[in-house]
Each structure stands twice: as structure tokens, then as C-alpha cells.
Amino acid sequence: MVTLMLVDDQAMVRGALGALLDLEDDLEVVAQAADADSAVSRAAEVKPDVCLMDIQLAGEDGIAATPRVIAASPGTRVLIVTTFARPGYLRAALEAGASGFVVKDAPAEELADAVRRVHTGLRVVDPALAEESLFAGASPLTDREAELLRLALEGISVADMATRVHLSAGTVRNHLSAAIGKTGSENRAQAARQAREKGWI
């Protein structure tokens, strides 16, 4: 029997996913969590074989939570199951220690198969996303540019950004200008949207 932990901030999604997986004779959901901290504490307590982790969680996201779950339960393998099929997320998830990455609209039998394969030590990646990621390449943004584009998504002014990150407004504009150029965008709002769609921020 392969024991599973489901991590998703939506109770209805956890319930539906759990009901589907429990239909499989060799899979058993033994724990659920709605956020990163709960996932880490439950992993330490239950030691599930496989953790199905969503990316979008309240607070710390699933990618950042992945190495923490593995540290809390070294025998647990993490399978990212998400709605957000973005190449940058795939790369970041694998770098964080995830053993697989599949999208939520995959058929139930494919998800169950992915769980089994990850449990046996294989790496499982959605084929279409793997191909897209291969051609998309790594994020060209520096950490600072990514940070400022995340702030741009909030719609705040350059002056407010400068205050938030403790830089001069001129320096913030220079970083944003570089990010706009790297994303092939016309302005910071467009650059932020492009970066988010690619999973770079």
C-alpha cells in the first residue's frame, strides 16, 4: 500500500482528489494539509510515501514547501499537482527536490500511475510541459528583477517599490527597465504578467 498526503488550500479539491485516489486498491490517503506549515508537521508525523503538493498555497507556496517536507520526512517523495502548467514552475519544482510534476486536469488513472512511478523512484513530468520547459529555458531575470516584478503585479508605484526594497527610485527603474527588455514587454505591468505566465515569478 502506498500512503499519500494531499496538500492543497482548497478543501473541496483535496476531498475530490482523495476520493479518486482512494478508489485505487494500492493507494491510501493518510493525511491532508491546507498550507506549508501543516504539510511539514503532518509529514513529520505520518511519514507518507508520496506527498501530492499544490503550488498555490496560502503563505509559502508548494515549491518552497517541498524541501521542508522532504527534510521532515526524508522517505517522502513529492509530486507537484497543479493547475498552473508553467515551464518556470516545473524547473523550480525539480530544483526544489520534487520527483514529479503533473497538471490537475490529467485523467485520474494517469495521476494514480504518476504516484506509483514516483513511489518507485522514477521522475514523472507532464510531457507537453517538459517540452515547453526545454525550449523556454531558465528565467533570465535576476533575483532583484523578479522581486520588483512581483511588486509590479500589486500595482504599486516605483516610489513605493523603492521604499519596500530599500533602493533609490532610479535604481528600481533601471532594474525594471532590464526586466522589461528581457521579457520583450512594453511596460512593467506587461513584463510582470509575462514573467508570471512563464513561471519566472
C-alpha atoms as a PDB file:
ATOM      1  CA  MET A   1       0.000   0.000   0.000  1.00  0.00           C
ATOM      2  CA  VAL A   2       1.333   3.435  -1.000  1.00  0.00           C
ATOM      3  CA  THR A   3       0.451   6.059   1.620  1.00  0.00           C
ATOM      4  CA  LEU A   4      -0.355   9.571   0.446  1.00  0.00           C
ATOM      5  CA  MET A   5      -0.577  13.092   1.833  1.00  0.00           C
ATOM      6  CA  LEU A   6      -2.595  15.708  -0.055  1.00  0.00           C
ATOM      7  CA  VAL A   7      -1.586  19.359   0.238  1.00  0.00           C
ATOM      8  CA  ASP A   8      -3.994  21.876  -1.276  1.00  0.00           C
ATOM      9  CA  ASP A   9      -5.512  25.045   0.151  1.00  0.00           C
ATOM     10  CA  GLN A  10      -8.968  24.148  -1.212  1.00  0.00           C
ATOM     11  CA  ALA A  11     -10.806  21.582   0.895  1.00  0.00           C
ATOM     12  CA  MET A  12     -13.092  20.619  -1.983  1.00  0.00           C
ATOM     13  CA  VAL A  13     -10.108  19.858  -4.240  1.00  0.00           C
ATOM     14  CA  ARG A  14      -8.456  17.784  -1.500  1.00  0.00           C
ATOM     15  CA  GLY A  15     -11.684  15.883  -0.986  1.00  0.00           C
ATOM     16  CA  ALA A  16     -12.188  15.166  -4.690  1.00  0.00           C
ATOM     17  CA  LEU A  17      -8.569  14.154  -5.186  1.00  0.00           C
ATOM     18  CA  GLY A  18      -8.657  11.944  -2.117  1.00  0.00           C
ATOM     19  CA  ALA A  19     -11.878  10.233  -3.232  1.00  0.00           C
ATOM     20  CA  LEU A  20     -10.379   9.483  -6.646  1.00  0.00           C
ATOM     21  CA  LEU A  21      -7.124   8.109  -5.307  1.00  0.00           C
ATOM     22  CA  ASP A  22      -8.804   6.048  -2.590  1.00  0.00           C
ATOM     23  CA  LEU A  23     -10.596   4.125  -5.347  1.00  0.00           C
ATOM     24  CA  GLU A  24      -7.227   2.564  -6.219  1.00  0.00           C
ATOM     25  CA  ASP A  25      -6.574  -0.687  -4.340  1.00  0.00           C
ATOM     26  CA  ASP A  26      -2.919   0.107  -3.673  1.00  0.00           C
ATOM     27  CA  LEU A  27      -3.205   3.795  -2.708  1.00  0.00           C
ATOM     28  CA  GLU A  28      -4.335   5.213   0.633  1.00  0.00           C
ATOM     29  CA  VAL A  29      -4.680   8.863   1.679  1.00  0.00           C
ATOM     30  CA  VAL A  30      -3.404   9.057   5.262  1.00  0.00           C
ATOM     31  CA  ALA A  31      -3.015  12.829   5.723  1.00  0.00           C
ATOM     32  CA  GLN A  32      -4.160  16.166   4.343  1.00  0.00           C
ATOM     33  CA  ALA A  33      -2.906  19.722   4.793  1.00  0.00           C
ATOM     34  CA  ALA A  34      -4.032  23.154   3.631  1.00  0.00           C
ATOM     35  CA  ASP A  35      -0.746  25.067   3.938  1.00  0.00           C
ATOM     36  CA  ALA A  36       3.015  24.606   4.001  1.00  0.00           C
ATOM     37  CA  ASP A  37       3.477  24.569   7.789  1.00  0.00           C
ATOM     38  CA  SER A  38       0.722  21.977   8.254  1.00  0.00           C
ATOM     39  CA  ALA A  39       2.231  19.910   5.432  1.00  0.00           C
ATOM     40  CA  VAL A  40       5.625  19.869   7.154  1.00  0.00           C
ATOM     41  CA  SER A  41       4.231  18.909  10.559  1.00  0.00           C
ATOM     42  CA  ARG A  42       1.936  16.223   9.090  1.00  0.00           C
ATOM     43  CA  ALA A  43       4.801  14.802   7.003  1.00  0.00           C
ATOM     44  CA  ALA A  44       6.966  14.524  10.117  1.00  0.00           C
ATOM     45  CA  GLU A  45       4.132  12.829  11.990  1.00  0.00           C
ATOM     46  CA  VAL A  46       2.749  10.430   9.340  1.00  0.00           C
ATOM     47  CA  LYS A  47       5.788   9.827   7.055  1.00  0.00           C
ATOM     48  CA  PRO A  48       3.721   9.335   3.878  1.00  0.00           C
ATOM     49  CA  ASP A  49       5.283   7.610   0.885  1.00  0.00           C
ATOM     50  CA  VAL A  50       4.168  10.318  -1.531  1.00  0.00           C
ATOM     51  CA  CYS A  51       3.069  13.927  -0.974  1.00  0.00           C
ATOM     52  CA  LEU A  52       0.832  15.423  -3.673  1.00  0.00           C
ATOM     53  CA  MET A  53       1.616  19.131  -3.419  1.00  0.00           C
ATOM     54  CA  ASP A  54      -0.240  22.069  -4.959  1.00  0.00           C
ATOM     55  CA  ILE A  55       1.810  25.159  -5.847  1.00  0.00           C
ATOM     56  CA  GLN A  56      -0.644  27.897  -4.878  1.00  0.00           C
ATOM     57  CA  LEU A  57      -0.978  27.771  -1.091  1.00  0.00           C
ATOM     58  CA  ALA A  58      -1.791  30.496   1.400  1.00  0.00           C
ATOM     59  CA  GLY A  59       1.529  31.910   2.607  1.00  0.00           C
ATOM     60  CA  GLU A  60       4.532  29.883   1.494  1.00  0.00           C
ATOM     61  CA  ASP A  61       3.968  28.199  -1.877  1.00  0.00           C
ATOM     62  CA  GLY A  62       4.242  24.488  -2.597  1.00  0.00           C
ATOM     63  CA  ILE A  63       7.598  24.747  -4.328  1.00  0.00           C
ATOM     64  CA  ALA A  64       9.184  26.435  -1.305  1.00  0.00           C
ATOM     65  CA  ALA A  65       7.466  23.890   0.965  1.00  0.00           C
ATOM     66  CA  THR A  66       8.836  20.893  -0.964  1.00  0.00           C
ATOM     67  CA  PRO A  67      12.357  20.787   0.553  1.00  0.00           C
ATOM     68  CA  ARG A  68      10.873  21.354   4.010  1.00  0.00           C
ATOM     69  CA  VAL A  69       8.540  18.370   3.633  1.00  0.00           C
ATOM     70  CA  ILE A  70      11.440  16.209   2.414  1.00  0.00           C
ATOM     71  CA  ALA A  71      13.589  17.358   5.348  1.00  0.00           C
ATOM     72  CA  ALA A  72      10.779  16.500   7.778  1.00  0.00           C
ATOM     73  CA  SER A  73      10.250  13.076   6.185  1.00  0.00           C
ATOM     74  CA  PRO A  74      13.256  12.033   4.044  1.00  0.00           C
ATOM     75  CA  GLY A  75      11.458   8.947   2.731  1.00  0.00           C
ATOM     76  CA  THR A  76       8.618  11.016   1.268  1.00  0.00           C
ATOM     77  CA  ARG A  77       8.662  11.784  -2.442  1.00  0.00           C
ATOM     78  CA  VAL A  78       6.888  14.963  -3.581  1.00  0.00           C
ATOM     79  CA  LEU A  79       4.668  15.051  -6.667  1.00  0.00           C
ATOM     80  CA  ILE A  80       3.569  18.552  -7.681  1.00  0.00           C
ATOM     81  CA  VAL A  81      -0.073  18.517  -8.834  1.00  0.00           C
ATOM     82  CA  THR A  82      -1.134  21.939 -10.060  1.00  0.00           C
ATOM     83  CA  THR A  83      -3.434  23.938 -12.307  1.00  0.00           C
ATOM     84  CA  PHE A  84      -0.517  26.188 -13.243  1.00  0.00           C
ATOM     85  CA  ALA A  85       1.357  24.467 -16.055  1.00  0.00           C
ATOM     86  CA  ARG A  86       4.206  26.966 -16.378  1.00  0.00           C
ATOM     87  CA  PRO A  87       7.696  25.978 -17.517  1.00  0.00           C
ATOM     88  CA  GLY A  88       9.410  28.086 -14.851  1.00  0.00           C
ATOM     89  CA  TYR A  89       7.420  26.339 -12.135  1.00  0.00           C
ATOM     90  CA  LEU A  90       8.468  22.933 -13.454  1.00  0.00           C
ATOM     91  CA  ARG A  91      12.145  23.848 -13.356  1.00  0.00           C
ATOM     92  CA  ALA A  92      11.864  25.409  -9.886  1.00  0.00           C
ATOM     93  CA  ALA A  93       9.930  22.409  -8.532  1.00  0.00           C
ATOM     94  CA  LEU A  94      12.509  19.902  -9.737  1.00  0.00           C
ATOM     95  CA  GLU A  95      15.329  22.051  -8.365  1.00  0.00           C
ATOM     96  CA  ALA A  96      13.486  22.124  -5.014  1.00  0.00           C
ATOM     97  CA  GLY A  97      13.553  18.332  -4.875  1.00  0.00           C
ATOM     98  CA  ALA A  98      10.162  17.338  -6.329  1.00  0.00           C
ATOM     99  CA  SER A  99      10.103  13.943  -8.034  1.00  0.00           C
ATOM    100  CA  GLY A 100       7.323  14.804 -10.436  1.00  0.00           C
ATOM    101  CA  PHE A 101       5.095  17.490 -11.891  1.00  0.00           C
ATOM    102  CA  VAL A 102       1.619  16.863 -13.335  1.00  0.00           C
ATOM    103  CA  VAL A 103      -1.367  19.077 -14.084  1.00  0.00           C
ATOM    104  CA  LYS A 104      -4.705  18.719 -12.302  1.00  0.00           C
ATOM    105  CA  ASP A 105      -6.671  18.116 -15.488  1.00  0.00           C
ATOM    106  CA  ALA A 106      -4.793  14.857 -16.131  1.00  0.00           C
ATOM    107  CA  PRO A 107      -7.092  11.772 -16.135  1.00  0.00           C
ATOM    108  CA  ALA A 108      -7.413  10.023 -12.764  1.00  0.00           C
ATOM    109  CA  GLU A 109      -5.644   6.887 -13.998  1.00  0.00           C
ATOM    110  CA  GLU A 110      -2.681   8.992 -15.163  1.00  0.00           C
ATOM    111  CA  LEU A 111      -2.427  10.647 -11.765  1.00  0.00           C
ATOM    112  CA  ALA A 112      -2.550   7.288  -9.980  1.00  0.00           C
ATOM    113  CA  ASP A 113       0.119   5.964 -12.342  1.00  0.00           C
ATOM    114  CA  ALA A 114       2.281   9.041 -11.683  1.00  0.00           C
ATOM    115  CA  VAL A 115       2.001   8.408  -7.933  1.00  0.00           C
ATOM    116  CA  ARG A 116       3.101   4.794  -8.348  1.00  0.00           C
ATOM    117  CA  ARG A 117       6.030   5.706 -10.572  1.00  0.00           C
ATOM    118  CA  VAL A 118       7.242   8.445  -8.228  1.00  0.00           C
ATOM    119  CA  HIS A 119       6.952   5.997  -5.335  1.00  0.00           C
ATOM    120  CA  THR A 120       9.257   3.534  -7.121  1.00  0.00           C
ATOM    121  CA  GLY A 121      11.912   6.218  -7.526  1.00  0.00           C
ATOM    122  CA  LEU A 122      11.149   7.419 -11.039  1.00  0.00           C
ATOM    123  CA  ARG A 123      10.780  11.052 -12.055  1.00  0.00           C
ATOM    124  CA  VAL A 124       7.450  11.917 -13.692  1.00  0.00           C
ATOM    125  CA  VAL A 125       6.878  15.095 -15.708  1.00  0.00           C
ATOM    126  CA  ASP A 126       3.925  16.120 -17.875  1.00  0.00           C
ATOM    127  CA  PRO A 127       5.312  15.545 -21.427  1.00  0.00           C
ATOM    128  CA  ALA A 128       3.909  18.712 -23.031  1.00  0.00           C
ATOM    129  CA  LEU A 129       5.181  20.860 -20.177  1.00  0.00           C
ATOM    130  CA  ALA A 130       8.595  19.173 -20.274  1.00  0.00           C
ATOM    131  CA  GLU A 131       8.942  20.034 -23.963  1.00  0.00           C
ATOM    132  CA  GLU A 132       7.806  23.615 -23.392  1.00  0.00           C
ATOM    133  CA  SER A 133      10.213  23.984 -20.490  1.00  0.00           C
ATOM    134  CA  LEU A 134      13.084  22.670 -22.598  1.00  0.00           C
ATOM    135  CA  PHE A 135      12.549  25.387 -25.187  1.00  0.00           C
ATOM    136  CA  ALA A 136      11.644  28.146 -22.726  1.00  0.00           C
ATOM    137  CA  GLY A 137      14.938  27.866 -20.859  1.00  0.00           C
ATOM    138  CA  ALA A 138      15.722  29.175 -17.413  1.00  0.00           C
ATOM    139  CA  SER A 139      14.492  32.517 -16.166  1.00  0.00           C
ATOM    140  CA  PRO A 140      16.687  35.369 -17.437  1.00  0.00           C
ATOM    141  CA  LEU A 141      15.639  37.570 -14.522  1.00  0.00           C
ATOM    142  CA  THR A 142      17.906  38.385 -11.610  1.00  0.00           C
ATOM    143  CA  ASP A 143      16.500  37.892  -8.100  1.00  0.00           C
ATOM    144  CA  ARG A 144      16.054  41.649  -7.758  1.00  0.00           C
ATOM    145  CA  GLU A 145      14.247  41.970 -11.105  1.00  0.00           C
ATOM    146  CA  ALA A 146      11.927  39.117 -10.164  1.00  0.00           C
ATOM    147  CA  GLU A 147      11.250  40.717  -6.777  1.00  0.00           C
ATOM    148  CA  LEU A 148      10.341  44.029  -8.400  1.00  0.00           C
ATOM    149  CA  LEU A 149       8.096  42.384 -10.995  1.00  0.00           C
ATOM    150  CA  ARG A 150       6.224  40.656  -8.167  1.00  0.00           C
ATOM    151  CA  LEU A 151       5.679  44.087  -6.635  1.00  0.00           C
ATOM    152  CA  ALA A 152       4.597  45.393 -10.041  1.00  0.00           C
ATOM    153  CA  LEU A 153       1.808  42.800 -10.001  1.00  0.00           C
ATOM    154  CA  GLU A 154       0.479  44.585  -6.915  1.00  0.00           C
ATOM    155  CA  GLY A 155       0.201  47.768  -8.983  1.00  0.00           C
ATOM    156  CA  ILE A 156       2.294  49.898  -6.637  1.00  0.00           C
ATOM    157  CA  SER A 157       4.318  52.913  -7.765  1.00  0.00           C
ATOM    158  CA  VAL A 158       8.086  52.997  -8.357  1.00  0.00           C
ATOM    159  CA  ALA A 159       8.455  55.185  -5.272  1.00  0.00           C
ATOM    160  CA  ASP A 160       6.624  52.624  -3.131  1.00  0.00           C
ATOM    161  CA  MET A 161       8.726  49.816  -4.610  1.00  0.00           C
ATOM    162  CA  ALA A 162      11.873  51.755  -3.772  1.00  0.00           C
ATOM    163  CA  THR A 163      10.746  52.170  -0.175  1.00  0.00           C
ATOM    164  CA  ARG A 164       9.808  48.489   0.088  1.00  0.00           C
ATOM    165  CA  VAL A 165      13.146  47.154  -1.188  1.00  0.00           C
ATOM    166  CA  HIS A 166      15.348  49.945   0.268  1.00  0.00           C
ATOM    167  CA  LEU A 167      16.693  51.190  -3.076  1.00  0.00           C
ATOM    168  CA  SER A 168      16.564  54.550  -4.821  1.00  0.00           C
ATOM    169  CA  ALA A 169      13.754  55.120  -7.315  1.00  0.00           C
ATOM    170  CA  GLY A 170      16.358  55.430 -10.077  1.00  0.00           C
ATOM    171  CA  THR A 171      17.848  52.031  -9.280  1.00  0.00           C
ATOM    172  CA  VAL A 172      14.373  50.472  -9.228  1.00  0.00           C
ATOM    173  CA  ARG A 173      13.653  51.986 -12.663  1.00  0.00           C
ATOM    174  CA  ASN A 174      16.921  50.541 -14.003  1.00  0.00           C
ATOM    175  CA  HIS A 175      16.043  47.050 -12.749  1.00  0.00           C
ATOM    176  CA  LEU A 176      12.521  47.310 -14.160  1.00  0.00           C
ATOM    177  CA  SER A 177      13.875  48.525 -17.486  1.00  0.00           C
ATOM    178  CA  ALA A 178      16.170  45.496 -17.666  1.00  0.00           C
ATOM    179  CA  ALA A 179      13.271  43.172 -16.833  1.00  0.00           C
ATOM    180  CA  ILE A 180      11.076  44.797 -19.478  1.00  0.00           C
ATOM    181  CA  GLY A 181      13.808  44.228 -22.044  1.00  0.00           C
ATOM    182  CA  LYS A 182      14.345  40.596 -21.036  1.00  0.00           C
ATOM    183  CA  THR A 183      10.647  39.782 -21.300  1.00  0.00           C
ATOM    184  CA  GLY A 184      10.204  41.692 -24.563  1.00  0.00           C
ATOM    185  CA  SER A 185       7.490  43.802 -22.976  1.00  0.00           C
ATOM    186  CA  GLU A 186       6.440  47.425 -23.340  1.00  0.00           C
ATOM    187  CA  ASN A 187       5.982  48.309 -19.683  1.00  0.00           C
ATOM    188  CA  ARG A 188       6.438  46.887 -16.186  1.00  0.00           C
ATOM    189  CA  ALA A 189       2.849  45.639 -15.863  1.00  0.00           C
ATOM    190  CA  GLN A 190       3.164  43.668 -19.086  1.00  0.00           C
ATOM    191  CA  ALA A 191       6.604  42.384 -18.053  1.00  0.00           C
ATOM    192  CA  ALA A 192       5.174  41.190 -14.740  1.00  0.00           C
ATOM    193  CA  ARG A 193       2.318  39.362 -16.476  1.00  0.00           C
ATOM    194  CA  GLN A 194       4.705  37.735 -18.956  1.00  0.00           C
ATOM    195  CA  ALA A 195       7.054  36.621 -16.184  1.00  0.00           C
ATOM    196  CA  ARG A 196       4.161  35.168 -14.180  1.00  0.00           C
ATOM    197  CA  GLU A 197       2.817  33.269 -17.209  1.00  0.00           C
ATOM    198  CA  LYS A 198       6.252  31.707 -17.748  1.00  0.00           C
ATOM    199  CA  GLY A 199       6.538  30.811 -14.078  1.00  0.00           C
ATOM    200  CA  TRP A 200       9.547  33.085 -13.532  1.00  0.00           C
ATOM    201  CA  ILE A 201       7.912  34.890 -10.597  1.00  0.00           C
END
